[in-house]
């Protein structure tokens, strides 16, 4: 074998090694970039989801405050209704007693008219 042939073989071998190393490093770099892109997307998605959940939580808190105000208002209305009902019962009882008294007076008057 001649020296030129050995140099050609060594250059070809070196070129193949450099080509393989380049291919391997490019593949590794692509994988790393892919992972970095996925992590960036995941981080962005997490932030968006976090913002959405925090917004929803804030909305629920506001609705809870509004519900508590409504419950307080309904309690006040219920107290007023109970007071009105108690007053109406008292007035009804008084009216029944008055009716009973009037019936007694009517019966007594009818008896007196019958005795005339």
N, C-alpha and C. Protein backbone atom coordinates (compact mmCIF):
# COMPACT_ATOMS: atom_id res chain seq x y z
N UNK A 1 0.83 -1.16 0.00
CA UNK A 1 0.00 0.00 0.00
C UNK A 1 0.88 1.24 0.00
N UNK A 2 0.37 2.15 -0.75
CA UNK A 2 1.15 3.36 -0.86
C UNK A 2 0.74 4.34 0.23
N UNK A 3 1.57 5.28 0.45
CA UNK A 3 1.34 6.29 1.48
C UNK A 3 0.12 7.12 1.15
N UNK A 4 -0.08 7.38 -0.15
CA UNK A 4 -1.26 8.15 -0.55
C UNK A 4 -2.55 7.40 -0.19
N UNK A 5 -2.51 6.10 -0.40
CA UNK A 5 -3.68 5.29 -0.11
C UNK A 5 -3.96 5.27 1.38
N UNK A 6 -2.94 5.17 2.20
CA UNK A 6 -3.10 5.17 3.66
C UNK A 6 -3.65 6.51 4.12
N UNK A 7 -3.16 7.60 3.54
CA UNK A 7 -3.64 8.94 3.90
C UNK A 7 -5.12 9.05 3.52
N UNK A 8 -5.50 8.53 2.34
CA UNK A 8 -6.89 8.58 1.92
C UNK A 8 -7.78 7.78 2.87
N UNK A 9 -7.31 6.60 3.28
CA UNK A 9 -8.08 5.77 4.21
C UNK A 9 -8.21 6.47 5.56
N UNK A 10 -7.12 7.06 6.04
CA UNK A 10 -7.16 7.78 7.33
C UNK A 10 -8.08 8.99 7.24
N UNK A 11 -8.02 9.71 6.12
CA UNK A 11 -8.91 10.87 5.94
C UNK A 11 -10.38 10.41 5.87
N UNK A 12 -10.60 9.30 5.17
CA UNK A 12 -11.96 8.78 5.08
C UNK A 12 -12.45 8.34 6.47
N UNK A 13 -11.59 7.64 7.22
CA UNK A 13 -11.96 7.20 8.56
C UNK A 13 -12.21 8.40 9.46
N UNK A 14 -11.35 9.42 9.37
CA UNK A 14 -11.52 10.63 10.18
C UNK A 14 -12.82 11.33 9.80
N UNK A 15 -13.12 11.39 8.51
CA UNK A 15 -14.34 12.02 8.04
C UNK A 15 -15.56 11.25 8.54
N UNK A 16 -15.48 9.93 8.49
CA UNK A 16 -16.59 9.11 9.00
C UNK A 16 -16.78 9.34 10.50
N UNK A 17 -15.68 9.37 11.24
CA UNK A 17 -15.76 9.60 12.71
C UNK A 17 -16.33 10.98 12.99
N UNK A 18 -15.84 11.98 12.28
CA UNK A 18 -16.34 13.35 12.49
C UNK A 18 -17.82 13.42 12.09
N UNK A 19 -18.19 12.77 10.99
CA UNK A 19 -19.58 12.76 10.56
C UNK A 19 -20.48 12.09 11.59
N UNK A 20 -20.03 10.94 12.11
CA UNK A 20 -20.82 10.24 13.12
C UNK A 20 -20.93 11.08 14.39
N UNK A 21 -19.81 11.68 14.80
CA UNK A 21 -19.83 12.53 16.00
C UNK A 21 -20.77 13.72 15.78
N UNK A 22 -20.72 14.31 14.61
CA UNK A 22 -21.61 15.44 14.30
C UNK A 22 -23.07 14.99 14.35
N UNK A 23 -23.34 13.83 13.73
CA UNK A 23 -24.71 13.30 13.75
C UNK A 23 -25.16 13.03 15.18
N UNK A 24 -24.32 12.41 15.98
CA UNK A 24 -24.67 12.07 17.36
C UNK A 24 -24.91 13.34 18.18
N UNK A 25 -24.02 14.32 18.04
CA UNK A 25 -24.18 15.58 18.78
C UNK A 25 -25.42 16.35 18.32
N UNK A 26 -25.69 16.34 17.02
CA UNK A 26 -26.89 17.02 16.51
C UNK A 26 -28.14 16.35 17.04
N UNK A 27 -28.16 15.00 17.06
CA UNK A 27 -29.32 14.27 17.59
C UNK A 27 -29.51 14.57 19.07
N UNK A 28 -28.41 14.57 19.82
CA UNK A 28 -28.48 14.87 21.25
C UNK A 28 -28.97 16.30 21.47
N UNK A 29 -28.46 17.22 20.67
CA UNK A 29 -28.87 18.62 20.78
C UNK A 29 -30.36 18.77 20.47
N UNK A 30 -30.83 18.05 19.44
CA UNK A 30 -32.24 18.11 19.08
C UNK A 30 -33.12 17.58 20.22
N UNK A 31 -32.68 16.47 20.83
CA UNK A 31 -33.43 15.93 21.97
C UNK A 31 -33.47 16.93 23.12
N UNK A 32 -32.34 17.54 23.42
CA UNK A 32 -32.27 18.51 24.52
C UNK A 32 -33.16 19.71 24.21
N UNK A 33 -33.13 20.19 22.96
CA UNK A 33 -33.99 21.32 22.57
C UNK A 33 -35.46 20.93 22.66
N UNK A 34 -35.76 19.69 22.26
CA UNK A 34 -37.15 19.21 22.36
C UNK A 34 -37.62 19.17 23.79
N UNK A 35 -36.76 18.65 24.66
CA UNK A 35 -37.11 18.60 26.08
C UNK A 35 -37.27 19.99 26.65
N UNK A 36 -36.38 20.90 26.26
CA UNK A 36 -36.47 22.28 26.73
C UNK A 36 -37.75 22.93 26.24
N UNK A 37 -38.11 22.65 24.99
CA UNK A 37 -39.35 23.22 24.45
C UNK A 37 -40.56 22.66 25.19
N UNK A 38 -40.54 21.36 25.47
CA UNK A 38 -41.64 20.74 26.21
C UNK A 38 -41.72 21.34 27.61
N UNK A 39 -40.59 21.52 28.25
CA UNK A 39 -40.58 22.12 29.59
C UNK A 39 -41.08 23.55 29.54
N UNK A 40 -40.70 24.30 28.51
CA UNK A 40 -41.17 25.67 28.37
C UNK A 40 -42.68 25.69 28.16
N UNK A 41 -43.17 24.78 27.31
CA UNK A 41 -44.62 24.69 27.09
C UNK A 41 -45.31 24.28 28.37
N UNK A 42 -44.76 23.27 29.08
CA UNK A 42 -45.35 22.83 30.33
C UNK A 42 -45.38 23.96 31.35
N UNK A 43 -44.29 24.73 31.43
CA UNK A 43 -44.25 25.85 32.38
C UNK A 43 -45.28 26.90 32.00
N UNK A 44 -45.41 27.18 30.70
CA UNK A 44 -46.41 28.14 30.25
C UNK A 44 -47.82 27.65 30.52
N UNK A 45 -48.05 26.37 30.26
CA UNK A 45 -49.37 25.79 30.51
C UNK A 45 -49.69 25.82 32.00
N UNK A 46 -48.69 25.54 32.82
CA UNK A 46 -48.90 25.59 34.26
C UNK A 46 -49.27 27.00 34.70
N UNK A 47 -48.57 28.00 34.18
CA UNK A 47 -48.87 29.38 34.55
C UNK A 47 -50.27 29.78 34.11
N UNK A 48 -50.65 29.38 32.89
CA UNK A 48 -52.00 29.70 32.41
C UNK A 48 -53.05 29.00 33.26
N UNK A 49 -52.82 27.73 33.56
CA UNK A 49 -53.77 26.98 34.40
C UNK A 49 -53.85 27.60 35.80
N UNK A 50 -52.70 28.00 36.31
CA UNK A 50 -52.67 28.62 37.64
C UNK A 50 -53.48 29.92 37.62
N UNK A 51 -53.30 30.73 36.57
CA UNK A 51 -54.06 31.98 36.46
C UNK A 51 -55.55 31.70 36.36
N UNK A 52 -55.92 30.69 35.57
CA UNK A 52 -57.34 30.35 35.42
C UNK A 52 -57.92 29.89 36.76
N UNK A 53 -57.21 29.01 37.46
CA UNK A 53 -57.71 28.51 38.74
C UNK A 53 -57.79 29.62 39.78
N UNK A 54 -56.79 30.51 39.80
CA UNK A 54 -56.84 31.61 40.77
C UNK A 54 -58.00 32.54 40.46
N UNK A 55 -58.25 32.78 39.17
CA UNK A 55 -59.38 33.62 38.79
C UNK A 55 -60.70 32.97 39.19
N UNK A 56 -60.80 31.67 38.94
CA UNK A 56 -62.02 30.95 39.32
C UNK A 56 -62.20 30.96 40.83
N UNK A 57 -61.12 30.79 41.56
CA UNK A 57 -61.18 30.81 43.02
C UNK A 57 -61.62 32.18 43.52
N UNK A 58 -61.11 33.24 42.92
CA UNK A 58 -61.50 34.59 43.31
C UNK A 58 -62.99 34.82 43.02
N UNK A 59 -63.45 34.33 41.88
CA UNK A 59 -64.87 34.44 41.54
C UNK A 59 -65.73 33.71 42.56
N UNK A 60 -65.30 32.50 42.94
CA UNK A 60 -66.05 31.74 43.95
C UNK A 60 -66.05 32.44 45.29
N UNK A 61 -64.93 33.07 45.64
CA UNK A 61 -64.89 33.82 46.91
C UNK A 61 -65.87 34.98 46.87
N UNK A 62 -65.92 35.68 45.73
CA UNK A 62 -66.86 36.80 45.60
C UNK A 62 -68.30 36.30 45.69
N UNK A 63 -68.58 35.16 45.05
CA UNK A 63 -69.92 34.59 45.11
C UNK A 63 -70.26 34.16 46.54
N UNK A 64 -69.28 33.64 47.27
CA UNK A 64 -69.50 33.25 48.65
C UNK A 64 -69.85 34.46 49.50
N UNK A 65 -69.16 35.57 49.30
CA UNK A 65 -69.46 36.79 50.04
C UNK A 65 -70.88 37.24 49.71
N UNK A 66 -71.25 37.19 48.42
CA UNK A 66 -72.60 37.59 48.01
C UNK A 66 -73.65 36.65 48.63
N UNK A 67 -73.36 35.37 48.66
CA UNK A 67 -74.29 34.40 49.26
C UNK A 67 -74.45 34.66 50.75
N UNK A 68 -73.35 34.96 51.41
CA UNK A 68 -73.44 35.26 52.85
C UNK A 68 -74.28 36.50 53.09
N UNK A 69 -74.13 37.51 52.23
CA UNK A 69 -74.95 38.71 52.35
C UNK A 69 -76.42 38.37 52.13
N UNK A 70 -76.69 37.52 51.12
CA UNK A 70 -78.07 37.10 50.86
C UNK A 70 -78.64 36.34 52.06
N UNK A 71 -77.86 35.44 52.64
CA UNK A 71 -78.32 34.68 53.80
C UNK A 71 -78.63 35.62 54.96
N UNK A 72 -77.77 36.61 55.16
CA UNK A 72 -78.01 37.57 56.23
C UNK A 72 -79.30 38.34 55.99
N UNK A 73 -79.51 38.74 54.74
CA UNK A 73 -80.74 39.46 54.39
C UNK A 73 -81.97 38.58 54.59
N UNK A 74 -81.87 37.32 54.18
CA UNK A 74 -83.00 36.39 54.34
C UNK A 74 -83.27 36.15 55.82
N UNK A 75 -82.21 36.07 56.62
CA UNK A 75 -82.42 35.91 58.07
C UNK A 75 -83.18 37.09 58.64
N UNK A 76 -82.81 38.30 58.19
CA UNK A 76 -83.53 39.49 58.65
C UNK A 76 -84.98 39.45 58.22
N UNK A 77 -85.20 39.03 56.95
CA UNK A 77 -86.58 38.92 56.46
C UNK A 77 -87.35 37.87 57.25
N UNK A 78 -86.70 36.76 57.58
CA UNK A 78 -87.34 35.70 58.35
C UNK A 78 -87.70 36.18 59.75
N UNK A 79 -86.82 36.94 60.36
CA UNK A 79 -87.10 37.48 61.69
C UNK A 79 -88.31 38.41 61.62
N UNK A 80 -88.34 39.24 60.59
CA UNK A 80 -89.48 40.16 60.42
C UNK A 80 -90.76 39.37 60.19
N UNK A 81 -90.69 38.33 59.36
CA UNK A 81 -91.87 37.50 59.09
C UNK A 81 -92.36 36.80 60.35
N UNK A 82 -91.42 36.31 61.16
CA UNK A 82 -91.81 35.65 62.42
C UNK A 82 -92.49 36.64 63.36
N UNK A 83 -91.97 37.86 63.43
CA UNK A 83 -92.57 38.89 64.27
C UNK A 83 -93.97 39.21 63.77
N UNK A 84 -94.11 39.36 62.44
CA UNK A 84 -95.43 39.64 61.86
C UNK A 84 -96.40 38.49 62.13
N UNK A 85 -95.91 37.26 62.03
CA UNK A 85 -96.75 36.09 62.29
C UNK A 85 -97.21 36.06 63.75
N UNK A 86 -96.30 36.36 64.65
CA UNK A 86 -96.66 36.39 66.08
C UNK A 86 -97.72 37.46 66.33
N UNK A 87 -97.53 38.61 65.69
CA UNK A 87 -98.51 39.69 65.84
C UNK A 87 -99.86 39.26 65.28
N UNK A 88 -99.83 38.62 64.10
CA UNK A 88 -101.09 38.16 63.48
C UNK A 88 -101.76 37.11 64.35
N UNK A 89 -100.98 36.19 64.93
CA UNK A 89 -101.58 35.18 65.82
C UNK A 89 -102.23 35.83 67.04
N UNK A 90 -101.55 36.81 67.60
CA UNK A 90 -102.10 37.52 68.76
C UNK A 90 -103.40 38.21 68.38
N UNK A 91 -103.40 38.88 67.21
CA UNK A 91 -104.62 39.56 66.77
C UNK A 91 -105.73 38.55 66.47
N UNK A 92 -105.39 37.40 65.90
CA UNK A 92 -106.39 36.36 65.61
C UNK A 92 -106.99 35.82 66.90
N UNK A 93 -106.13 35.56 67.88
CA UNK A 93 -106.61 35.07 69.17
C UNK A 93 -107.54 36.10 69.80
N UNK A 94 -107.14 37.36 69.73
CA UNK A 94 -107.98 38.44 70.29
C UNK A 94 -109.31 38.52 69.56
N UNK A 95 -109.26 38.38 68.21
CA UNK A 95 -110.50 38.43 67.42
C UNK A 95 -111.40 37.24 67.76
N UNK A 96 -110.83 36.07 67.94
CA UNK A 96 -111.62 34.88 68.30
C UNK A 96 -112.30 35.08 69.67
N UNK A 97 -111.53 35.64 70.61
CA UNK A 97 -112.11 35.90 71.93
C UNK A 97 -113.24 36.91 71.83
N UNK A 98 -113.03 37.93 70.99
CA UNK A 98 -114.08 38.94 70.82
C UNK A 98 -115.32 38.33 70.17
N UNK A 99 -115.12 37.46 69.18
CA UNK A 99 -116.24 36.79 68.52
C UNK A 99 -116.99 35.91 69.52
N UNK A 100 -116.23 35.18 70.34
CA UNK A 100 -116.85 34.34 71.36
C UNK A 100 -117.68 35.19 72.32
N UNK A 101 -117.10 36.34 72.71
CA UNK A 101 -117.83 37.26 73.60
C UNK A 101 -119.07 37.80 72.94
N UNK A 102 -118.98 38.15 71.65
CA UNK A 102 -120.15 38.66 70.94
C UNK A 102 -121.22 37.59 70.79
N UNK A 103 -120.82 36.35 70.54
CA UNK A 103 -121.79 35.26 70.45
C UNK A 103 -122.52 35.07 71.79
N UNK A 104 -121.73 35.18 72.86
CA UNK A 104 -122.33 35.06 74.19
C UNK A 104 -123.35 36.19 74.40
N UNK A 105 -122.95 37.42 74.00
CA UNK A 105 -123.86 38.57 74.13
C UNK A 105 -125.11 38.37 73.28
N UNK A 106 -124.96 37.85 72.06
CA UNK A 106 -126.10 37.61 71.18
C UNK A 106 -127.03 36.58 71.79
N UNK A 107 -126.45 35.49 72.30
CA UNK A 107 -127.29 34.45 72.93
C UNK A 107 -128.02 35.01 74.12
N UNK A 108 -127.38 35.83 74.91
CA UNK A 108 -128.02 36.42 76.09
C UNK A 108 -129.13 37.37 75.65
N UNK A 109 -128.85 38.17 74.61
CA UNK A 109 -129.86 39.11 74.13
C UNK A 109 -131.07 38.37 73.53
N UNK A 110 -130.78 37.27 72.81
CA UNK A 110 -131.88 36.48 72.24
C UNK A 110 -132.76 35.89 73.37
N UNK A 111 -132.08 35.49 74.43
CA UNK A 111 -132.82 34.95 75.57
C UNK A 111 -133.69 36.04 76.19
N UNK A 112 -133.15 37.23 76.32
CA UNK A 112 -133.92 38.33 76.89
C UNK A 112 -135.10 38.72 75.99
N UNK A 113 -134.85 38.69 74.66
CA UNK A 113 -135.95 39.02 73.73
C UNK A 113 -137.02 37.93 73.81
N UNK A 114 -136.59 36.71 73.93
CA UNK A 114 -137.55 35.61 74.03
C UNK A 114 -138.37 35.66 75.32
N UNK A 115 -137.83 36.24 76.34
CA UNK A 115 -138.52 36.32 77.61
C UNK A 115 -139.49 37.51 77.65
N UNK A 116 -139.47 38.34 76.68
CA UNK A 116 -140.37 39.52 76.71
C UNK A 116 -141.73 39.16 76.41
